[in-house]
C-alpha cells in the first residue's frame, strides 16, 4: 500500500502479513437498525475516518459482519485511542490477524499468551472461539480445547474457564482469523449525524458540555452557541467555551462555535423592569436567538444542560416558560441527573478540568438576589413588550462571531505560527464572521 502521511485511507485491503496487528471495533446499536443499517454503518465509517485525520501515517478500514477492522502504518495504541472517541462502537479491541488455519491460529495464540505471561507470570487463561466461517473443520468447543492444551504445554499457564485473568478470544472468518485478549469499552450510542443536527447552548460550567456529549451519543451532530455578557464582562468565558467545544469536537466532526454578546440586551431587560424575572427572561432571549441561529446552520433542535430543580431558574414552571419562547424543540439530556452525576461524567469525558476554571458568566450579570421559581408566560410577555424584540434578535444574531474549535489542529502541525500562543491554548477573539450552513 502506498504511504500517504496524515491521511485516513478509505476501506481497502491491508498489506498481507502472517501476523497483522489491527483493531476490532464491535458495533453497538447499529446492529439493530434493520433496513437503515447500511446508512448507519456508512456514517460510522465516515466518522472513523474523520477521527483518524492527522494521525501521522496511512490507515485502512475493512468491514465485516457487525465489526469494523482498523489497521495501518501507525502504532496500534494510537489507533485504539482514536477509535475510542467514535460513537457507535461498543468495544475497541487490539487484535492480531492470522490465516484461518489451525496451525497459524494456535501458534499466534501461544505467542500472544507468552507475551502476557512475561509481564504477569502465572496468569490464568481461557480460550473463547467464535466460528463465523462454518467451513472451518473443528467446532468452536473442540478448537477451544485444542488451543488451550497447546498453551498449557508450551507455557504451563493454569486454565480458569469461569473467571480467567485473561480471556483469549478467537474469531474465525473466511478472510482471516482475529485474536484479541484486551477489550477497551467504546463510546456506544449511535453514529454522530444519524439523528440530525442540534445547536447546544454552551456555558462554561459542568452541565452543558455533558449535555452536548450525551446528545452526540444519541446521534446528534452538534454546533455550539455561547452567550457572553459583553461589553460588561471580559472574554474569559469565550476562552472557556472555545476550549470546551474543542474538547467535545474530539468526539465528532468538528462543530462550530458561535459567540453572541448578550450584555446590552440583558441591560435592556433590567431597564424594562424584569426584576426577579431577569434570569428567566434572559433564558428566553437565549433560546430565541439560538432558534434564529439554528435555522441558519441547519439545526433542528436546541440542547441545554438544564437539570430539573438544580437551581431556581430550572424549575418545571420556568422550563416551560422558557420553552414557550423557543421556535425549536429544547432537548435536556440531563433533566433527571443530579449534580454529582454530572460532575463525574464531566471528569470521564475530559471537560471538568476546563469547566472548573474561573470566568465571568453572563448569567450572573444583573441577576437579582432572588430568582423567581415560578415565572409565567404572561408576566414575561409584559416585560418583553417593552423591547423591540424582532430588531433585538436580528442584531444579536447578525453580530455573532463564528469559530471552528479543533478544526485548525491539523493545520497547526504544518504551520505552527497560525495557531494561538501555547500558554493560552485558545485563539484570540475574531471579528464577527458568519459560518456557512453545513
Foldseek 3Di string as FASTA:
>chain_A
DDKDFQFEDEADDDDDDQKAKKKKFAFFCLLVPPPCSVVQVVLQRVFLRVLSGRVTIYKHWDDDRRIIIIDTDHDRVSSQVSQQLFAGTFKMFIKIWHAQDLVSVLVVLLVVVVVVCVVVPQFEEFEFEDEPPPVRPDDRVVSRVVSVVSNCVVRVHHYDPPDGPWYWYWYHDNVTIITTTDMDGHLYATGAQPVEEEEEADWLALQRLLQVLVVRSNRYHYAYEYEALPPVFDCLRVLLRLVSQLLSCSNGPFHKYKYFYCNVVLVLLVVLPCALVSLLLVLLLVQLLRQVLCVQQVHQEYEYRAADPQDLCRHPQSVVLSVVSHPHHYDHPRNHPHPVVSLVVCVVSPSNVSSVDDGDTNSPVVNHPHHHSHDHNVSSVSSCVSDPSVVVSVVRNQFMAMDGRNPCPSVCVVPVVVDDDPVSNGDDGDGRDDDGHD
